[in-house]
């Protein structure tokens, strides 16, 4: 099954968080609330319809890694894989 987001929605595959710090300290799963809101864009919508009837331009592309608001969006599972569908306004930055 393939996901095709509508409007200015973005489908993101969550990136695995580090389980140890740079200094070698193990982080247990109970630290999950501090997880990074980081993911890879797997699909983007065509853009939001603006008041003037034109379609807004999407600022992210498939394959880019992004940072986004960690409490935004909806988590979905498709074919056994977990994704998050977020709005473009929830994207904070593109990781280069």
PDB file of N, CA and C in Angstrom:
ATOM      1  N   UNK A   1       0.840  -1.175   0.000  1.00  0.00           N
ATOM      2  CA  UNK A   1       0.000   0.000   0.000  1.00  0.00           C
ATOM      3  C   UNK A   1       0.887   1.241   0.000  1.00  0.00           C
ATOM      4  N   UNK A   2       0.459   2.256  -0.690  1.00  0.00           N
ATOM      5  CA  UNK A   2       1.215   3.492  -0.784  1.00  0.00           C
ATOM      6  C   UNK A   2       0.393   4.617  -0.151  1.00  0.00           C
ATOM      7  N   UNK A   3       1.036   5.531   0.545  1.00  0.00           N
ATOM      8  CA  UNK A   3       0.348   6.660   1.171  1.00  0.00           C
ATOM      9  C   UNK A   3       0.563   7.894   0.309  1.00  0.00           C
ATOM     10  N   UNK A   4      -0.531   8.573  -0.040  1.00  0.00           N
ATOM     11  CA  UNK A   4      -0.453   9.818  -0.793  1.00  0.00           C
ATOM     12  C   UNK A   4      -1.116  10.913   0.037  1.00  0.00           C
ATOM     13  N   UNK A   5      -0.308  11.782   0.664  1.00  0.00           N
ATOM     14  CA  UNK A   5      -0.877  12.824   1.510  1.00  0.00           C
ATOM     15  C   UNK A   5      -1.595  13.893   0.685  1.00  0.00           C
ATOM     16  N   UNK A   6      -2.606  14.496   1.284  1.00  0.00           N
ATOM     17  CA  UNK A   6      -3.368  15.550   0.622  1.00  0.00           C
ATOM     18  C   UNK A   6      -2.944  16.916   1.149  1.00  0.00           C
ATOM     19  N   UNK A   7      -3.225  17.953   0.365  1.00  0.00           N
ATOM     20  CA  UNK A   7      -2.942  19.318   0.795  1.00  0.00           C
ATOM     21  C   UNK A   7      -1.489  19.524   1.142  1.00  0.00           C
ATOM     22  N   UNK A   8      -1.254  20.139   2.313  1.00  0.00           N
ATOM     23  CA  UNK A   8       0.129  20.403   2.727  1.00  0.00           C
ATOM     24  C   UNK A   8       0.589  19.425   3.804  1.00  0.00           C
ATOM     25  N   UNK A   9       0.084  18.190   3.723  1.00  0.00           N
ATOM     26  CA  UNK A   9       0.506  17.144   4.651  1.00  0.00           C
ATOM     27  C   UNK A   9       1.765  16.449   4.147  1.00  0.00           C
ATOM     28  N   UNK A  10       2.532  15.917   5.101  1.00  0.00           N
ATOM     29  CA  UNK A  10       3.807  15.264   4.812  1.00  0.00           C
ATOM     30  C   UNK A  10       3.838  13.930   5.567  1.00  0.00           C
ATOM     31  N   UNK A  11       4.234  12.858   4.884  1.00  0.00           N
ATOM     32  CA  UNK A  11       4.402  11.559   5.530  1.00  0.00           C
ATOM     33  C   UNK A  11       5.875  11.414   5.891  1.00  0.00           C
ATOM     34  N   UNK A  12       6.125  11.128   7.170  1.00  0.00           N
ATOM     35  CA  UNK A  12       7.486  11.069   7.689  1.00  0.00           C
ATOM     36  C   UNK A  12       7.748   9.700   8.307  1.00  0.00           C
ATOM     37  N   UNK A  13       8.910   9.117   7.968  1.00  0.00           N
ATOM     38  CA  UNK A  13       9.372   7.899   8.628  1.00  0.00           C
ATOM     39  C   UNK A  13      10.263   8.345   9.773  1.00  0.00           C
ATOM     40  N   UNK A  14       9.890   7.964  10.990  1.00  0.00           N
ATOM     41  CA  UNK A  14      10.650   8.374  12.165  1.00  0.00           C
ATOM     42  C   UNK A  14      12.029   7.737  12.132  1.00  0.00           C
ATOM     43  N   UNK A  15      13.050   8.524  12.474  1.00  0.00           N
ATOM     44  CA  UNK A  15      14.409   8.001  12.548  1.00  0.00           C
ATOM     45  C   UNK A  15      14.646   7.438  13.937  1.00  0.00           C
ATOM     46  N   UNK A  16      15.396   6.340  13.990  1.00  0.00           N
ATOM     47  CA  UNK A  16      15.702   5.702  15.276  1.00  0.00           C
ATOM     48  C   UNK A  16      16.527   6.652  16.124  1.00  0.00           C
ATOM     49  N   UNK A  17      16.160   6.738  17.381  1.00  0.00           N
ATOM     50  CA  UNK A  17      16.932   7.596  18.278  1.00  0.00           C
ATOM     51  C   UNK A  17      18.154   6.850  18.793  1.00  0.00           C
ATOM     52  N   UNK A  18      19.140   7.587  19.188  1.00  0.00           N
ATOM     53  CA  UNK A  18      20.355   7.006  19.759  1.00  0.00           C
ATOM     54  C   UNK A  18      20.020   6.392  21.115  1.00  0.00           C
ATOM     55  N   UNK A  19      20.549   5.232  21.391  1.00  0.00           N
ATOM     56  CA  UNK A  19      20.299   4.591  22.677  1.00  0.00           C
ATOM     57  C   UNK A  19      21.390   4.883  23.693  1.00  0.00           C
ATOM     58  N   UNK A  20      22.490   5.443  23.241  1.00  0.00           N
ATOM     59  CA  UNK A  20      23.548   5.847  24.159  1.00  0.00           C
ATOM     60  C   UNK A  20      23.979   7.267  23.798  1.00  0.00           C
ATOM     61  N   UNK A  21      24.466   7.988  24.791  1.00  0.00           N
ATOM     62  CA  UNK A  21      24.953   9.336  24.540  1.00  0.00           C
ATOM     63  C   UNK A  21      26.356   9.268  23.941  1.00  0.00           C
ATOM     64  N   UNK A  22      26.877  10.405  23.523  1.00  0.00           N
ATOM     65  CA  UNK A  22      28.219  10.447  22.943  1.00  0.00           C
ATOM     66  C   UNK A  22      29.275   9.969  23.944  1.00  0.00           C
ATOM     67  N   UNK A  23      29.004  10.164  25.241  1.00  0.00           N
ATOM     68  CA  UNK A  23      29.965   9.730  26.262  1.00  0.00           C
ATOM     69  C   UNK A  23      29.750   8.282  26.695  1.00  0.00           C
ATOM     70  N   UNK A  24      28.776   7.585  26.059  1.00  0.00           N
ATOM     71  CA  UNK A  24      28.582   6.170  26.330  1.00  0.00           C
ATOM     72  C   UNK A  24      27.532   5.844  27.376  1.00  0.00           C
ATOM     73  N   UNK A  25      26.755   6.836  27.819  1.00  0.00           N
ATOM     74  CA  UNK A  25      25.712   6.591  28.819  1.00  0.00           C
ATOM     75  C   UNK A  25      24.487   6.003  28.132  1.00  0.00           C
ATOM     76  N   UNK A  26      23.992   4.870  28.643  1.00  0.00           N
ATOM     77  CA  UNK A  26      22.822   4.197  28.085  1.00  0.00           C
ATOM     78  C   UNK A  26      21.559   4.958  28.479  1.00  0.00           C
ATOM     79  N   UNK A  27      20.679   5.193  27.500  1.00  0.00           N
ATOM     80  CA  UNK A  27      19.406   5.858  27.766  1.00  0.00           C
ATOM     81  C   UNK A  27      18.284   4.825  27.712  1.00  0.00           C
ATOM     82  N   UNK A  28      17.607   4.568  28.824  1.00  0.00           N
ATOM     83  CA  UNK A  28      16.527   3.580  28.827  1.00  0.00           C
ATOM     84  C   UNK A  28      15.305   4.088  28.076  1.00  0.00           C
ATOM     85  N   UNK A  29      14.382   3.159  27.751  1.00  0.00           N
ATOM     86  CA  UNK A  29      13.173   3.523  27.019  1.00  0.00           C
ATOM     87  C   UNK A  29      12.305   4.505  27.775  1.00  0.00           C
ATOM     88  N   UNK A  30      12.454   4.607  29.084  1.00  0.00           N
ATOM     89  CA  UNK A  30      11.650   5.549  29.855  1.00  0.00           C
ATOM     90  C   UNK A  30      12.001   6.988  29.518  1.00  0.00           C
ATOM     91  N   UNK A  31      13.090   7.190  28.818  1.00  0.00           N
ATOM     92  CA  UNK A  31      13.482   8.533  28.388  1.00  0.00           C
ATOM     93  C   UNK A  31      12.789   8.903  27.081  1.00  0.00           C
ATOM     94  N   UNK A  32      11.799   8.152  26.669  1.00  0.00           N
ATOM     95  CA  UNK A  32      11.127   8.326  25.389  1.00  0.00           C
ATOM     96  C   UNK A  32      10.555   9.722  25.200  1.00  0.00           C
ATOM     97  N   UNK A  33      10.168  10.406  26.282  1.00  0.00           N
ATOM     98  CA  UNK A  33       9.605  11.737  26.156  1.00  0.00           C
ATOM     99  C   UNK A  33      10.630  12.735  25.627  1.00  0.00           C
ATOM    100  N   UNK A  34      11.893  12.384  25.694  1.00  0.00           N
ATOM    101  CA  UNK A  34      12.941  13.263  25.183  1.00  0.00           C
ATOM    102  C   UNK A  34      13.370  12.879  23.779  1.00  0.00           C
ATOM    103  N   UNK A  35      12.603  12.013  23.138  1.00  0.00           N
ATOM    104  CA  UNK A  35      12.985  11.562  21.803  1.00  0.00           C
ATOM    105  C   UNK A  35      13.035  12.736  20.825  1.00  0.00           C
ATOM    106  N   UNK A  36      13.901  12.589  19.869  1.00  0.00           N
ATOM    107  CA  UNK A  36      14.038  13.616  18.852  1.00  0.00           C
ATOM    108  C   UNK A  36      12.848  13.549  17.912  1.00  0.00           C
ATOM    109  N   UNK A  37      12.374  14.681  17.515  1.00  0.00           N
ATOM    110  CA  UNK A  37      11.320  14.741  16.510  1.00  0.00           C
ATOM    111  C   UNK A  37      12.031  14.900  15.165  1.00  0.00           C
ATOM    112  N   UNK A  38      12.633  13.813  14.738  1.00  0.00           N
ATOM    113  CA  UNK A  38      13.453  13.804  13.538  1.00  0.00           C
ATOM    114  C   UNK A  38      12.976  12.673  12.644  1.00  0.00           C
ATOM    115  N   UNK A  39      12.888  12.943  11.346  1.00  0.00           N
ATOM    116  CA  UNK A  39      12.437  11.902  10.443  1.00  0.00           C
ATOM    117  C   UNK A  39      12.832  12.163   9.017  1.00  0.00           C
ATOM    118  N   UNK A  40      12.526  11.191   8.161  1.00  0.00           N
ATOM    119  CA  UNK A  40      12.805  11.294   6.735  1.00  0.00           C
ATOM    120  C   UNK A  40      11.488  11.403   5.984  1.00  0.00           C
ATOM    121  N   UNK A  41      11.410  12.364   5.085  1.00  0.00           N
ATOM    122  CA  UNK A  41      10.193  12.589   4.305  1.00  0.00           C
ATOM    123  C   UNK A  41      10.050  11.475   3.277  1.00  0.00           C
ATOM    124  N   UNK A  42       8.897  10.771   3.298  1.00  0.00           N
ATOM    125  CA  UNK A  42       8.660   9.705   2.336  1.00  0.00           C
ATOM    126  C   UNK A  42       7.596  10.083   1.309  1.00  0.00           C
ATOM    127  N   UNK A  43       6.766  11.091   1.604  1.00  0.00           N
ATOM    128  CA  UNK A  43       5.759  11.556   0.643  1.00  0.00           C
ATOM    129  C   UNK A  43       5.298  12.951   1.052  1.00  0.00           C
ATOM    130  N   UNK A  44       4.974  13.774   0.052  1.00  0.00           N
ATOM    131  CA  UNK A  44       4.451  15.120   0.320  1.00  0.00           C
ATOM    132  C   UNK A  44       3.198  15.350  -0.522  1.00  0.00           C
ATOM    133  N   UNK A  45       2.298  16.160   0.036  1.00  0.00           N
ATOM    134  CA  UNK A  45       1.099  16.545  -0.699  1.00  0.00           C
ATOM    135  C   UNK A  45       1.444  17.581  -1.757  1.00  0.00           C
ATOM    136  N   UNK A  46       0.431  18.005  -2.498  1.00  0.00           N
ATOM    137  CA  UNK A  46       0.639  18.983  -3.570  1.00  0.00           C
ATOM    138  C   UNK A  46       0.741  20.413  -3.052  1.00  0.00           C
ATOM    139  N   UNK A  47       0.319  20.656  -1.830  1.00  0.00           N
ATOM    140  CA  UNK A  47       0.349  21.997  -1.260  1.00  0.00           C
ATOM    141  C   UNK A  47      -1.051  22.458  -0.899  1.00  0.00           C
ATOM    142  N   UNK A  48      -1.120  23.383   0.019  1.00  0.00           N
ATOM    143  CA  UNK A  48      -2.382  23.914   0.520  1.00  0.00           C
ATOM    144  C   UNK A  48      -3.004  24.867  -0.509  1.00  0.00           C
ATOM    145  N   UNK A  49      -4.327  24.803  -0.646  1.00  0.00           N
ATOM    146  CA  UNK A  49      -5.035  25.747  -1.511  1.00  0.00           C
ATOM    147  C   UNK A  49      -5.154  27.065  -0.747  1.00  0.00           C
ATOM    148  N   UNK A  50      -4.627  28.130  -1.332  1.00  0.00           N
ATOM    149  CA  UNK A  50      -4.641  29.446  -0.699  1.00  0.00           C
ATOM    150  C   UNK A  50      -5.972  30.154  -0.957  1.00  0.00           C
ATOM    151  N   UNK A  51      -6.207  31.246  -0.255  1.00  0.00           N
ATOM    152  CA  UNK A  51      -7.457  31.999  -0.400  1.00  0.00           C
ATOM    153  C   UNK A  51      -7.660  32.525  -1.815  1.00  0.00           C
ATOM    154  N   UNK A  52      -6.567  32.788  -2.534  1.00  0.00           N
ATOM    155  CA  UNK A  52      -6.685  33.303  -3.898  1.00  0.00           C
ATOM    156  C   UNK A  52      -6.916  32.182  -4.919  1.00  0.00           C
ATOM    157  N   UNK A  53      -7.035  30.936  -4.441  1.00  0.00           N
ATOM    158  CA  UNK A  53      -7.306  29.808  -5.315  1.00  0.00           C
ATOM    159  C   UNK A  53      -6.071  29.094  -5.839  1.00  0.00           C
ATOM    160  N   UNK A  54      -4.911  29.685  -5.640  1.00  0.00           N
ATOM    161  CA  UNK A  54      -3.679  29.045  -6.086  1.00  0.00           C
ATOM    162  C   UNK A  54      -3.197  28.068  -5.034  1.00  0.00           C
ATOM    163  N   UNK A  55      -2.311  27.185  -5.438  1.00  0.00           N
ATOM    164  CA  UNK A  55      -1.778  26.183  -4.529  1.00  0.00           C
ATOM    165  C   UNK A  55      -0.436  26.665  -3.984  1.00  0.00           C
ATOM    166  N   UNK A  56      -0.282  26.601  -2.656  1.00  0.00           N
ATOM    167  CA  UNK A  56       0.978  26.966  -2.008  1.00  0.00           C
ATOM    168  C   UNK A  56       2.062  25.955  -2.321  1.00  0.00           C
ATOM    169  N   UNK A  57       3.291  26.409  -2.322  1.00  0.00           N
ATOM    170  CA  UNK A  57       4.432  25.553  -2.648  1.00  0.00           C
ATOM    171  C   UNK A  57       4.897  24.795  -1.407  1.00  0.00           C
ATOM    172  N   UNK A  58       5.225  23.515  -1.584  1.00  0.00           N
ATOM    173  CA  UNK A  58       5.772  22.718  -0.487  1.00  0.00           C
ATOM    174  C   UNK A  58       7.255  23.040  -0.335  1.00  0.00           C
ATOM    175  N   UNK A  59       7.719  23.140   0.906  1.00  0.00           N
ATOM    176  CA  UNK A  59       9.108  23.499   1.170  1.00  0.00           C
ATOM    177  C   UNK A  59      10.011  22.299   1.390  1.00  0.00           C
ATOM    178  N   UNK A  60       9.440  21.112   1.508  1.00  0.00           N
ATOM    179  CA  UNK A  60      10.245  19.904   1.707  1.00  0.00           C
ATOM    180  C   UNK A  60      10.041  18.955   0.539  1.00  0.00           C
ATOM    181  N   UNK A  61      11.032  18.083   0.333  1.00  0.00           N
ATOM    182  CA  UNK A  61      10.969  17.102  -0.747  1.00  0.00           C
ATOM    183  C   UNK A  61      11.201  15.709  -0.175  1.00  0.00           C
ATOM    184  N   UNK A  62      10.752  14.715  -0.916  1.00  0.00           N
ATOM    185  CA  UNK A  62      10.957  13.324  -0.533  1.00  0.00           C
ATOM    186  C   UNK A  62      12.459  13.062  -0.398  1.00  0.00           C
ATOM    187  N   UNK A  63      12.830  12.367   0.675  1.00  0.00           N
ATOM    188  CA  UNK A  63      14.230  12.023   0.915  1.00  0.00           C
ATOM    189  C   UNK A  63      14.943  12.952   1.885  1.00  0.00           C
ATOM    190  N   UNK A  64      14.385  14.142   2.118  1.00  0.00           N
ATOM    191  CA  UNK A  64      15.028  15.066   3.045  1.00  0.00           C
ATOM    192  C   UNK A  64      14.795  14.616   4.486  1.00  0.00           C
ATOM    193  N   UNK A  65      15.767  14.933   5.339  1.00  0.00           N
ATOM    194  CA  UNK A  65      15.620  14.684   6.770  1.00  0.00           C
ATOM    195  C   UNK A  65      15.181  15.996   7.406  1.00  0.00           C
ATOM    196  N   UNK A  66      14.184  15.907   8.296  1.00  0.00           N
ATOM    197  CA  UNK A  66      13.625  17.116   8.885  1.00  0.00           C
ATOM    198  C   UNK A  66      13.503  17.006  10.397  1.00  0.00           C
ATOM    199  N   UNK A  67      13.426  18.153  11.048  1.00  0.00           N
ATOM    200  CA  UNK A  67      13.066  18.256  12.458  1.00  0.00           C
ATOM    201  C   UNK A  67      11.663  18.838  12.492  1.00  0.00           C
ATOM    202  N   UNK A  68      10.815  18.302  13.364  1.00  0.00           N
ATOM    203  CA  UNK A  68       9.442  18.799  13.436  1.00  0.00           C
ATOM    204  C   UNK A  68       8.957  18.785  14.870  1.00  0.00           C
ATOM    205  N   UNK A  69       7.839  19.464  15.111  1.00  0.00           N
ATOM    206  CA  UNK A  69       7.262  19.517  16.448  1.00  0.00           C
ATOM    207  C   UNK A  69       6.926  18.104  16.888  1.00  0.00           C
ATOM    208  N   UNK A  70       7.450  17.693  18.040  1.00  0.00           N
ATOM    209  CA  UNK A  70       7.303  16.292  18.428  1.00  0.00           C
ATOM    210  C   UNK A  70       5.888  15.915  18.813  1.00  0.00           C
ATOM    211  N   UNK A  71       5.054  16.838  19.193  1.00  0.00           N
ATOM    212  CA  UNK A  71       3.693  16.475  19.571  1.00  0.00           C
ATOM    213  C   UNK A  71       2.701  16.734  18.450  1.00  0.00           C
ATOM    214  N   UNK A  72       3.151  17.191  17.302  1.00  0.00           N
ATOM    215  CA  UNK A  72       2.250  17.445  16.179  1.00  0.00           C
ATOM    216  C   UNK A  72       2.007  16.189  15.357  1.00  0.00           C
ATOM    217  N   UNK A  73       0.998  16.233  14.521  1.00  0.00           N
ATOM    218  CA  UNK A  73       0.741  15.160  13.571  1.00  0.00           C
ATOM    219  C   UNK A  73       0.052  13.946  14.151  1.00  0.00           C
ATOM    220  N   UNK A  74      -0.136  12.953  13.287  1.00  0.00           N
ATOM    221  CA  UNK A  74      -0.807  11.708  13.663  1.00  0.00           C
ATOM    222  C   UNK A  74       0.066  10.526  13.292  1.00  0.00           C
ATOM    223  N   UNK A  75       0.154   9.557  14.191  1.00  0.00           N
ATOM    224  CA  UNK A  75       0.919   8.346  13.922  1.00  0.00           C
ATOM    225  C   UNK A  75       0.021   7.331  13.239  1.00  0.00           C
ATOM    226  N   UNK A  76       0.527   6.713  12.177  1.00  0.00           N
ATOM    227  CA  UNK A  76      -0.214   5.691  11.440  1.00  0.00           C
ATOM    228  C   UNK A  76       0.699   4.506  11.185  1.00  0.00           C
ATOM    229  N   UNK A  77       0.091   3.342  10.948  1.00  0.00           N
ATOM    230  CA  UNK A  77       0.854   2.151  10.608  1.00  0.00           C
ATOM    231  C   UNK A  77       0.339   1.628   9.274  1.00  0.00           C
ATOM    232  N   UNK A  78       1.252   1.455   8.318  1.00  0.00           N
ATOM    233  CA  UNK A  78       0.903   0.952   6.996  1.00  0.00           C
ATOM    234  C   UNK A  78       1.861  -0.173   6.653  1.00  0.00           C
ATOM    235  N   UNK A  79       1.312  -1.333   6.330  1.00  0.00           N
ATOM    236  CA  UNK A  79       2.113  -2.513   5.993  1.00  0.00           C
ATOM    237  C   UNK A  79       3.160  -2.823   7.057  1.00  0.00           C
ATOM    238  N   UNK A  80       2.793  -2.668   8.326  1.00  0.00           N
ATOM    239  CA  UNK A  80       3.691  -2.994   9.422  1.00  0.00           C
ATOM    240  C   UNK A  80       4.755  -1.952   9.711  1.00  0.00           C
ATOM    241  N   UNK A  81       4.738  -0.833   9.007  1.00  0.00           N
ATOM    242  CA  UNK A  81       5.724   0.228   9.231  1.00  0.00           C
ATOM    243  C   UNK A  81       5.017   1.436   9.839  1.00  0.00           C
ATOM    244  N   UNK A  82       5.692   2.099  10.766  1.00  0.00           N
ATOM    245  CA  UNK A  82       5.101   3.254  11.435  1.00  0.00           C
ATOM    246  C   UNK A  82       5.551   4.548  10.779  1.00  0.00           C
ATOM    247  N   UNK A  83       4.584   5.418  10.565  1.00  0.00           N
ATOM    248  CA  UNK A  83       4.831   6.725   9.969  1.00  0.00           C
ATOM    249  C   UNK A  83       4.115   7.778  10.801  1.00  0.00           C
ATOM    250  N   UNK A  84       4.487   9.014  10.548  1.00  0.00           N
ATOM    251  CA  UNK A  84       3.796  10.139  11.155  1.00  0.00           C
ATOM    252  C   UNK A  84       3.374  11.057  10.019  1.00  0.00           C
ATOM    253  N   UNK A  85       2.130  11.499  10.050  1.00  0.00           N
ATOM    254  CA  UNK A  85       1.639  12.446   9.052  1.00  0.00           C
ATOM    255  C   UNK A  85       1.536  13.798   9.739  1.00  0.00           C
ATOM    256  N   UNK A  86       2.311  14.747   9.229  1.00  0.00           N
ATOM    257  CA  UNK A  86       2.350  16.081   9.834  1.00  0.00           C
ATOM    258  C   UNK A  86       1.981  17.131   8.803  1.00  0.00           C
ATOM    259  N   UNK A  87       1.634  18.295   9.287  1.00  0.00           N
ATOM    260  CA  UNK A  87       1.334  19.438   8.451  1.00  0.00           C
ATOM    261  C   UNK A  87       2.636  20.174   8.157  1.00  0.00           C
ATOM    262  N   UNK A  88       2.732  20.816   7.022  1.00  0.00           N
ATOM    263  CA  UNK A  88       3.964  21.526   6.682  1.00  0.00           C
ATOM    264  C   UNK A  88       4.323  22.577   7.725  1.00  0.00           C
ATOM    265  N   UNK A  89       3.338  23.197   8.347  1.00  0.00           N
ATOM    266  CA  UNK A  89       3.644  24.224   9.352  1.00  0.00           C
ATOM    267  C   UNK A  89       4.252  23.650  10.631  1.00  0.00           C
ATOM    268  N   UNK A  90       4.203  22.300  10.792  1.00  0.00           N
ATOM    269  CA  UNK A  90       4.833  21.651  11.938  1.00  0.00           C
ATOM    270  C   UNK A  90       6.315  21.373  11.719  1.00  0.00           C
ATOM    271  N   UNK A  91       6.807  21.571  10.485  1.00  0.00           N
ATOM    272  CA  UNK A  91       8.218  21.353  10.178  1.00  0.00           C
ATOM    273  C   UNK A  91       9.017  22.545  10.699  1.00  0.00           C
ATOM    274  N   UNK A  92      10.049  22.243  11.488  1.00  0.00           N
ATOM    275  CA  UNK A  92      10.881  23.291  12.066  1.00  0.00           C
ATOM    276  C   UNK A  92      12.127  23.583  11.252  1.00  0.00           C
ATOM    277  N   UNK A  93      12.721  22.513  10.655  1.00  0.00           N
ATOM    278  CA  UNK A  93      13.969  22.702   9.926  1.00  0.00           C
ATOM    279  C   UNK A  93      14.253  21.496   9.026  1.00  0.00           C
ATOM    280  N   UNK A  94      15.061  21.737   8.015  1.00  0.00           N
ATOM    281  CA  UNK A  94      15.569  20.675   7.145  1.00  0.00           C
ATOM    282  C   UNK A  94      17.003  20.419   7.580  1.00  0.00           C
ATOM    283  N   UNK A  95      17.353  19.139   7.773  1.00  0.00           N
ATOM    284  CA  UNK A  95      18.716  18.783   8.186  1.00  0.00           C
ATOM    285  C   UNK A  95      19.560  18.560   6.931  1.00  0.00           C
ATOM    286  N   UNK A  96      20.651  19.282   6.832  1.00  0.00           N
ATOM    287  CA  UNK A  96      21.531  19.158   5.662  1.00  0.00           C
ATOM    288  C   UNK A  96      22.816  18.472   6.009  1.00  0.00           C
TER     289      UNK A  96
END
